[in-house]
């Protein structure tokens, strides 16, 4: 419960051209199509808004990879380089993996130099194992995870039997504007990756520790722009493989796609239902959290503030998320369509083998963790 936001999927991270994180605090200045940030400068939280970060690296995922390790709530904790800046943490981690300097002998087992030489050529640990190289390697891994071979792609490529009747009905609703009886989903979820990569107020539930905006609140994109109009706006996620990337929303409040569609149809009612049914304590990720009911007491008020912001935008005609009136069958058809955006590879451990570390190996430093489900089966 210490992490303020739901982690976006790394699937198809190489297709992002605008930014990364829910507020695009890692952002391409030029947003050139099909560049993944490589053709213009990139801004990161290490520098002031509107300023290029010379250390960002070549691609958006390269820049993004520099930050989870510096967050106390995520990977850093409060021990390593306590009180020091982000660069000190990165330098220490590189030295630990390289087995030199401040990190010398911190790993009793260490064959990382062999791995880095296989990727980057010959050199000493100090030359090869820098945090810039670590970020480059992480980004190469993420950018390789392109999973776009789905049944909808087959359909638009000419295979008219690739979709079921329900999925076709859902596609029509998805691509039809609200004014014409559809869902208007492409107002935001447009393009081949089903995202405009912009930021919108959709008033999903606000819960969790927030990002420091008072009373556990999270102001979203406005934290980066300083513009009050961007409060409670978050980046549109891609819908590719959305079926398998739950939970949904910047706080992970919704566990299923039908819940998301219900919110789009009736934001106020769905948010009320969330809190009436126990709020965060009803979610599986909070099932074993002691004192859950006392956590984040302002969540309902914060959620109500986001809903009011959405209504103001609708009243002003500035919202890309106008009210819809889809019945339950229509929403189910849209959910069916969304399942057609799943690449079968992401459901197959065999297919994903190239991206999964060898579970019979402890890794170059003996620290490898191999995830298992409740039955003990490898994930």
Protein backbone atom coordinates (compact mmCIF):
# COMPACT_ATOMS: atom_id res chain seq x y z
CA UNK A 1 0.00 0.00 0.00
CA UNK A 2 3.00 2.36 -0.04
CA UNK A 3 3.18 2.58 -3.84
CA UNK A 4 1.07 5.55 -4.98
CA UNK A 5 0.05 4.29 -8.42
CA UNK A 6 -0.78 1.10 -10.31
CA UNK A 7 2.15 -0.05 -12.45
CA UNK A 8 1.45 0.18 -16.20
CA UNK A 9 2.30 -2.87 -18.29
CA UNK A 10 5.65 -3.04 -20.07
CA UNK A 11 4.04 -4.84 -23.01
CA UNK A 12 4.57 -2.74 -26.15
CA UNK A 13 6.52 -0.07 -24.27
CA UNK A 14 8.50 0.33 -27.48
CA UNK A 15 5.39 1.71 -29.20
CA UNK A 16 5.08 4.78 -26.94
CA UNK A 17 5.98 8.02 -28.67
CA UNK A 18 4.66 10.62 -26.23
CA UNK A 19 5.56 9.68 -22.69
CA UNK A 20 5.67 7.10 -19.93
CA UNK A 21 4.19 6.87 -16.43
CA UNK A 22 0.57 7.88 -15.79
CA UNK A 23 1.49 11.57 -15.86
CA UNK A 24 4.10 11.37 -18.66
CA UNK A 25 6.78 12.71 -16.35
CA UNK A 26 9.12 10.98 -18.78
CA UNK A 27 8.15 12.74 -22.00
CA UNK A 28 9.37 13.16 -25.56
CA UNK A 29 9.48 16.78 -26.69
CA UNK A 30 8.83 15.98 -30.35
CA UNK A 31 6.59 12.94 -29.97
CA UNK A 32 7.61 11.80 -33.45
CA UNK A 33 5.62 8.77 -34.67
CA UNK A 34 7.31 5.38 -34.45
CA UNK A 35 10.38 6.85 -32.75
CA UNK A 36 9.81 5.80 -29.12
CA UNK A 37 11.37 9.14 -28.18
CA UNK A 38 14.58 8.67 -30.17
CA UNK A 39 14.27 11.66 -32.52
CA UNK A 40 14.02 14.46 -29.99
CA UNK A 41 14.98 15.39 -26.45
CA UNK A 42 13.38 13.68 -23.46
CA UNK A 43 12.36 15.30 -20.20
CA UNK A 44 12.54 13.33 -16.94
CA UNK A 45 11.89 14.10 -13.26
CA UNK A 46 15.64 14.72 -12.83
CA UNK A 47 15.27 18.10 -14.52
CA UNK A 48 12.82 20.99 -14.43
CA UNK A 49 9.61 20.82 -16.52
CA UNK A 50 10.23 21.83 -20.11
CA UNK A 51 13.92 21.01 -19.81
CA UNK A 52 15.74 18.26 -21.70
CA UNK A 53 17.56 15.64 -19.62
CA UNK A 54 20.96 15.03 -21.17
CA UNK A 55 21.19 11.74 -19.28
CA UNK A 56 17.81 10.37 -20.37
CA UNK A 57 19.19 7.94 -22.91
CA UNK A 58 17.99 7.21 -26.43
CA UNK A 59 14.43 5.95 -25.92
CA UNK A 60 11.53 6.64 -23.58
CA UNK A 61 11.91 3.23 -21.85
CA UNK A 62 15.61 3.99 -21.33
CA UNK A 63 14.67 7.16 -19.49
CA UNK A 64 11.88 5.44 -17.55
CA UNK A 65 14.20 2.66 -16.36
CA UNK A 66 16.21 5.18 -14.35
CA UNK A 67 13.46 5.90 -11.82
CA UNK A 68 11.89 2.88 -10.06
CA UNK A 69 15.22 2.25 -8.30
CA UNK A 70 15.28 5.81 -6.92
CA UNK A 71 11.78 5.69 -5.41
CA UNK A 72 11.70 4.87 -1.69
CA UNK A 73 8.16 3.50 -2.10
CA UNK A 74 9.18 1.22 -4.95
CA UNK A 75 12.65 -0.36 -5.20
CA UNK A 76 15.00 1.88 -3.24
CA UNK A 77 13.69 1.51 0.29
CA UNK A 78 15.08 3.79 2.99
CA UNK A 79 18.50 2.21 3.59
CA UNK A 80 20.69 2.50 0.50
CA UNK A 81 22.30 5.95 0.25
CA UNK A 82 19.81 7.32 2.80
CA UNK A 83 19.39 11.06 2.37
CA UNK A 84 21.40 11.13 -0.86
CA UNK A 85 20.16 12.08 -4.31
CA UNK A 86 19.07 9.81 -7.12
CA UNK A 87 22.43 9.75 -8.89
CA UNK A 88 24.13 8.45 -5.74
CA UNK A 89 21.67 5.55 -5.65
CA UNK A 90 22.23 4.72 -9.30
CA UNK A 91 26.02 4.90 -8.92
CA UNK A 92 25.90 2.63 -5.89
CA UNK A 93 23.70 0.05 -7.63
CA UNK A 94 25.99 -0.02 -10.67
CA UNK A 95 29.00 -0.48 -8.40
CA UNK A 96 27.25 -3.31 -6.55
CA UNK A 97 26.47 -5.14 -9.79
CA UNK A 98 29.96 -4.41 -11.11
CA UNK A 99 31.64 -5.41 -7.86
CA UNK A 100 33.77 -2.27 -7.64
CA UNK A 101 34.07 0.91 -5.59
CA UNK A 102 31.37 1.53 -3.01
CA UNK A 103 29.61 -1.69 -4.06
CA UNK A 104 32.63 -3.97 -4.00
CA UNK A 105 31.95 -7.33 -2.34
CA UNK A 106 28.29 -6.53 -1.64
CA UNK A 107 27.34 -9.58 -3.73
CA UNK A 108 28.89 -12.85 -2.64
CA UNK A 109 28.15 -14.32 -6.08
CA UNK A 110 28.75 -12.10 -9.09
CA UNK A 111 29.19 -13.02 -12.76
CA UNK A 112 27.56 -9.88 -14.13
CA UNK A 113 30.70 -8.82 -15.97
CA UNK A 114 30.38 -11.88 -18.21
CA UNK A 115 26.81 -10.83 -19.07
CA UNK A 116 27.74 -7.21 -19.76
CA UNK A 117 30.67 -8.23 -21.97
CA UNK A 118 28.34 -10.43 -24.01
CA UNK A 119 26.05 -7.44 -24.55
CA UNK A 120 28.45 -4.50 -24.79
CA UNK A 121 31.86 -5.90 -25.73
CA UNK A 122 35.13 -6.10 -23.86
CA UNK A 123 36.10 -3.81 -21.01
CA UNK A 124 36.50 -3.62 -17.27
CA UNK A 125 33.57 -3.67 -14.87
CA UNK A 126 34.01 0.07 -14.24
CA UNK A 127 33.83 0.73 -17.99
CA UNK A 128 30.92 -1.56 -18.83
CA UNK A 129 28.71 -1.73 -15.76
CA UNK A 130 27.40 1.81 -15.39
CA UNK A 131 23.84 2.78 -14.64
CA UNK A 132 23.49 4.17 -18.16
CA UNK A 133 24.28 0.67 -19.46
CA UNK A 134 21.88 -0.89 -16.97
CA UNK A 135 19.08 1.41 -18.16
CA UNK A 136 20.00 0.64 -21.77
CA UNK A 137 19.74 -3.10 -21.10
CA UNK A 138 16.41 -2.77 -19.28
CA UNK A 139 15.03 -0.66 -22.12
CA UNK A 140 16.18 -3.17 -24.74
CA UNK A 141 14.33 -5.88 -22.81
CA UNK A 142 11.13 -3.83 -22.59
CA UNK A 143 11.31 -2.65 -26.20
CA UNK A 144 11.59 -6.25 -27.38
CA UNK A 145 8.23 -7.13 -25.81
CA UNK A 146 6.10 -6.28 -28.85
CA UNK A 147 2.86 -8.25 -28.69
CA UNK A 148 0.50 -7.03 -31.41
CA UNK A 149 -0.47 -10.22 -33.27
CA UNK A 150 -4.12 -10.30 -32.23
CA UNK A 151 -7.38 -11.34 -33.83
CA UNK A 152 -8.52 -7.77 -34.51
CA UNK A 153 -5.34 -7.20 -36.48
CA UNK A 154 -6.13 -10.38 -38.43
CA UNK A 155 -9.63 -9.06 -39.11
CA UNK A 156 -8.53 -5.67 -40.47
CA UNK A 157 -5.92 -7.52 -42.54
CA UNK A 158 -8.68 -9.35 -44.37
CA UNK A 159 -9.63 -12.40 -42.28
CA UNK A 160 -13.33 -11.63 -41.81
CA UNK A 161 -13.85 -14.75 -39.70
CA UNK A 162 -11.30 -13.70 -37.07
CA UNK A 163 -13.94 -12.01 -34.88
CA UNK A 164 -17.10 -13.40 -33.36
CA UNK A 165 -20.46 -11.72 -33.84
CA UNK A 166 -20.29 -10.21 -30.34
CA UNK A 167 -16.78 -8.90 -30.98
CA UNK A 168 -17.90 -7.29 -34.23
CA UNK A 169 -20.84 -5.63 -32.47
CA UNK A 170 -18.45 -4.42 -29.81
CA UNK A 171 -16.05 -3.04 -32.40
CA UNK A 172 -18.85 -1.04 -34.01
CA UNK A 173 -19.84 0.41 -30.63
CA UNK A 174 -16.18 1.12 -29.82
CA UNK A 175 -15.58 3.08 -33.02
CA UNK A 176 -18.96 4.89 -33.06
CA UNK A 177 -19.35 8.31 -31.43
CA UNK A 178 -21.66 8.75 -28.44
CA UNK A 179 -23.86 11.11 -30.45
CA UNK A 180 -24.57 8.23 -32.83
CA UNK A 181 -25.30 5.68 -30.12
CA UNK A 182 -21.79 4.31 -29.66
CA UNK A 183 -19.23 4.39 -26.89
CA UNK A 184 -17.02 7.09 -28.40
CA UNK A 185 -14.00 5.13 -27.19
CA UNK A 186 -11.72 6.39 -29.95
CA UNK A 187 -11.95 9.92 -28.56
CA UNK A 188 -8.98 8.77 -26.48
CA UNK A 189 -8.19 5.17 -27.48
CA UNK A 190 -7.22 5.87 -31.08
CA UNK A 191 -4.53 4.64 -33.46
CA UNK A 192 -2.90 1.26 -33.90
CA UNK A 193 -1.97 1.11 -30.21
CA UNK A 194 -5.42 2.33 -29.11
CA UNK A 195 -4.11 5.40 -27.29
CA UNK A 196 -3.78 9.07 -28.14
CA UNK A 197 -1.04 9.27 -25.48
CA UNK A 198 -2.74 12.40 -24.10
CA UNK A 199 -4.12 13.04 -20.62
CA UNK A 200 -7.80 13.04 -19.72
CA UNK A 201 -10.08 13.30 -16.71
CA UNK A 202 -12.07 10.08 -16.41
CA UNK A 203 -12.51 10.26 -12.61
CA UNK A 204 -11.48 6.73 -11.75
CA UNK A 205 -11.42 6.05 -8.02
CA UNK A 206 -8.77 8.03 -6.14
CA UNK A 207 -7.30 5.86 -3.40
CA UNK A 208 -3.91 5.05 -2.01
CA UNK A 209 -1.17 7.21 -0.51
CA UNK A 210 -1.28 9.62 -3.45
CA UNK A 211 1.65 11.60 -4.78
CA UNK A 212 1.90 14.23 -2.08
CA UNK A 213 -0.94 16.57 -3.01
CA UNK A 214 -2.49 16.56 0.47
CA UNK A 215 -4.90 14.13 2.12
CA UNK A 216 -3.50 11.21 0.10
CA UNK A 217 -4.62 12.89 -3.12
CA UNK A 218 -3.04 12.57 -6.56
CA UNK A 219 -3.39 15.47 -8.98
CA UNK A 220 -2.11 13.54 -11.99
CA UNK A 221 -0.75 15.42 -14.97
CA UNK A 222 -0.94 18.83 -13.24
CA UNK A 223 1.96 17.75 -11.03
CA UNK A 224 4.13 17.97 -14.14
CA UNK A 225 2.61 20.92 -15.97
CA UNK A 226 1.60 23.13 -13.03
CA UNK A 227 -1.68 23.75 -14.87
CA UNK A 228 -4.79 23.37 -12.70
CA UNK A 229 -6.72 22.30 -15.81
CA UNK A 230 -4.61 19.11 -15.81
CA UNK A 231 -5.66 18.11 -12.30
CA UNK A 232 -6.90 14.49 -12.18
CA UNK A 233 -5.87 13.92 -15.79
CA UNK A 234 -3.91 10.75 -16.58
CA UNK A 235 -2.32 9.35 -19.70
CA UNK A 236 -4.52 7.18 -21.91
CA UNK A 237 -3.22 3.60 -21.66
CA UNK A 238 -2.94 1.36 -24.71
CA UNK A 239 -5.66 -1.26 -24.99
CA UNK A 240 -3.43 -3.84 -26.64
CA UNK A 241 -3.54 -6.92 -24.37
CA UNK A 242 -5.75 -5.02 -21.93
CA UNK A 243 -7.57 -8.25 -21.12
CA UNK A 244 -4.52 -9.55 -19.23
CA UNK A 245 -3.21 -6.35 -17.63
CA UNK A 246 -5.61 -5.86 -14.71
CA UNK A 247 -6.06 -4.08 -12.36
CA UNK A 248 -7.14 -0.95 -14.20
CA UNK A 249 -6.77 2.77 -13.68
CA UNK A 250 -3.99 4.85 -12.15
CA UNK A 251 -4.80 3.45 -8.71
CA UNK A 252 -5.70 -0.08 -9.78
CA UNK A 253 -9.19 0.27 -8.32
CA UNK A 254 -11.04 -1.78 -10.93
CA UNK A 255 -10.31 -5.48 -11.23
CA UNK A 256 -12.30 -6.29 -14.39
CA UNK A 257 -13.12 -4.77 -17.75
CA UNK A 258 -16.88 -4.84 -17.02
CA UNK A 259 -16.18 -2.62 -14.00
CA UNK A 260 -14.31 -0.19 -16.23
CA UNK A 261 -17.15 -0.12 -18.75
CA UNK A 262 -19.63 0.41 -15.91
CA UNK A 263 -17.58 3.42 -14.81
CA UNK A 264 -17.61 4.86 -18.31
CA UNK A 265 -21.38 4.53 -18.33
CA UNK A 266 -21.99 5.83 -14.79
CA UNK A 267 -18.87 7.26 -13.09
CA UNK A 268 -20.65 8.53 -9.97
CA UNK A 269 -22.54 5.30 -9.37
CA UNK A 270 -19.51 3.07 -9.96
CA UNK A 271 -17.31 5.10 -7.62
CA UNK A 272 -20.05 4.98 -4.95
CA UNK A 273 -20.30 1.21 -5.39
CA UNK A 274 -16.56 0.87 -4.91
CA UNK A 275 -16.67 2.55 -1.52
CA UNK A 276 -20.00 1.06 -0.45
CA UNK A 277 -18.55 -2.42 -1.03
CA UNK A 278 -15.53 -1.81 1.17
CA UNK A 279 -13.27 0.40 -0.89
CA UNK A 280 -9.62 -0.61 -1.05
CA UNK A 281 -10.22 -3.34 1.52
CA UNK A 282 -12.38 -5.20 -1.02
CA UNK A 283 -9.45 -5.56 -3.42
CA UNK A 284 -7.33 -8.72 -3.46
CA UNK A 285 -4.09 -6.74 -3.27
CA UNK A 286 -5.23 -5.34 0.11
CA UNK A 287 -6.74 -8.57 1.48
CA UNK A 288 -4.03 -9.15 4.07
CA UNK A 289 -3.19 -5.55 4.95
CA UNK A 290 -3.59 -4.96 8.68
CA UNK A 291 -5.79 -2.00 9.56
CA UNK A 292 -6.91 -1.61 5.98
CA UNK A 293 -10.15 0.18 6.89
CA UNK A 294 -8.19 3.01 8.49
CA UNK A 295 -6.00 3.60 5.43
CA UNK A 296 -6.55 6.61 3.16
CA UNK A 297 -9.63 8.09 4.93
CA UNK A 298 -9.86 10.93 2.38
CA UNK A 299 -10.18 8.61 -0.61
CA UNK A 300 -13.91 9.07 -1.03
CA UNK A 301 -13.66 12.86 -0.85
CA UNK A 302 -10.74 12.85 -3.29
CA UNK A 303 -12.75 10.67 -5.67
CA UNK A 304 -15.70 13.06 -5.39
CA UNK A 305 -13.39 15.96 -6.30
CA UNK A 306 -12.28 14.11 -9.43
CA UNK A 307 -15.91 13.45 -10.37
CA UNK A 308 -16.73 17.15 -9.96
CA UNK A 309 -13.77 18.01 -12.20
CA UNK A 310 -15.11 15.63 -14.86
CA UNK A 311 -18.57 17.19 -14.65
CA UNK A 312 -17.14 20.71 -15.02
CA UNK A 313 -15.29 19.63 -18.16
CA UNK A 314 -18.44 18.04 -19.56
CA UNK A 315 -20.44 21.17 -18.82
CA UNK A 316 -17.81 23.27 -20.57
CA UNK A 317 -17.70 20.95 -23.58
CA UNK A 318 -13.99 20.34 -23.11
CA UNK A 319 -14.18 16.68 -22.11
CA UNK A 320 -13.23 13.89 -24.49
CA UNK A 321 -15.24 11.64 -22.17
CA UNK A 322 -18.88 12.71 -22.59
CA UNK A 323 -21.65 10.73 -20.93
CA UNK A 324 -22.59 7.43 -22.56
CA UNK A 325 -25.78 5.43 -22.29
CA UNK A 326 -24.87 1.87 -23.20
CA UNK A 327 -26.93 -0.99 -21.85
CA UNK A 328 -25.39 -4.05 -20.22
CA UNK A 329 -25.43 -6.13 -23.42
CA UNK A 330 -23.69 -3.36 -25.36
CA UNK A 331 -21.01 -3.02 -22.69
CA UNK A 332 -20.48 -6.79 -22.75
CA UNK A 333 -20.00 -6.61 -26.52
CA UNK A 334 -17.32 -3.95 -26.10
CA UNK A 335 -15.59 -6.14 -23.51
CA UNK A 336 -15.74 -9.01 -26.02
CA UNK A 337 -14.13 -6.76 -28.64
CA UNK A 338 -11.36 -5.80 -26.20
CA UNK A 339 -10.46 -9.48 -25.78
CA UNK A 340 -9.75 -9.60 -29.51
CA UNK A 341 -6.81 -7.24 -28.87
CA UNK A 342 -4.93 -9.94 -26.92
CA UNK A 343 -1.85 -11.43 -28.53
CA UNK A 344 -2.01 -15.20 -27.72
CA UNK A 345 1.68 -15.14 -26.84
CA UNK A 346 1.05 -13.20 -23.62
CA UNK A 347 -1.08 -16.10 -22.37
CA UNK A 348 1.54 -18.76 -23.07
CA UNK A 349 4.51 -19.35 -20.81
CA UNK A 350 6.12 -21.31 -23.63
CA UNK A 351 5.75 -18.38 -26.02
CA UNK A 352 7.06 -15.97 -23.37
CA UNK A 353 10.10 -18.13 -22.63
CA UNK A 354 12.56 -15.69 -24.28
CA UNK A 355 11.51 -13.01 -21.78
CA UNK A 356 11.54 -15.21 -18.66
CA UNK A 357 14.73 -15.89 -16.73
CA UNK A 358 15.72 -19.54 -16.49
CA UNK A 359 13.95 -20.79 -13.33
CA UNK A 360 16.61 -23.45 -12.74
CA UNK A 361 19.27 -20.76 -12.39
CA UNK A 362 19.75 -18.31 -9.51
CA UNK A 363 20.99 -15.62 -11.91
CA UNK A 364 24.38 -13.87 -12.18
CA UNK A 365 24.29 -12.82 -8.52
CA UNK A 366 22.26 -15.57 -6.88
CA UNK A 367 19.45 -13.12 -6.18
CA UNK A 368 16.97 -14.16 -8.89
CA UNK A 369 13.34 -14.52 -7.78
CA UNK A 370 11.14 -17.00 -9.62
CA UNK A 371 7.44 -16.19 -9.26
CA UNK A 372 4.97 -18.97 -8.48
CA UNK A 373 1.22 -19.04 -8.12
CA UNK A 374 -0.69 -20.21 -5.04
CA UNK A 375 -0.35 -23.81 -6.20
CA UNK A 376 3.39 -23.56 -6.57
CA UNK A 377 3.39 -23.45 -10.36
CA UNK A 378 5.88 -21.19 -12.08
CA UNK A 379 4.31 -18.03 -13.47
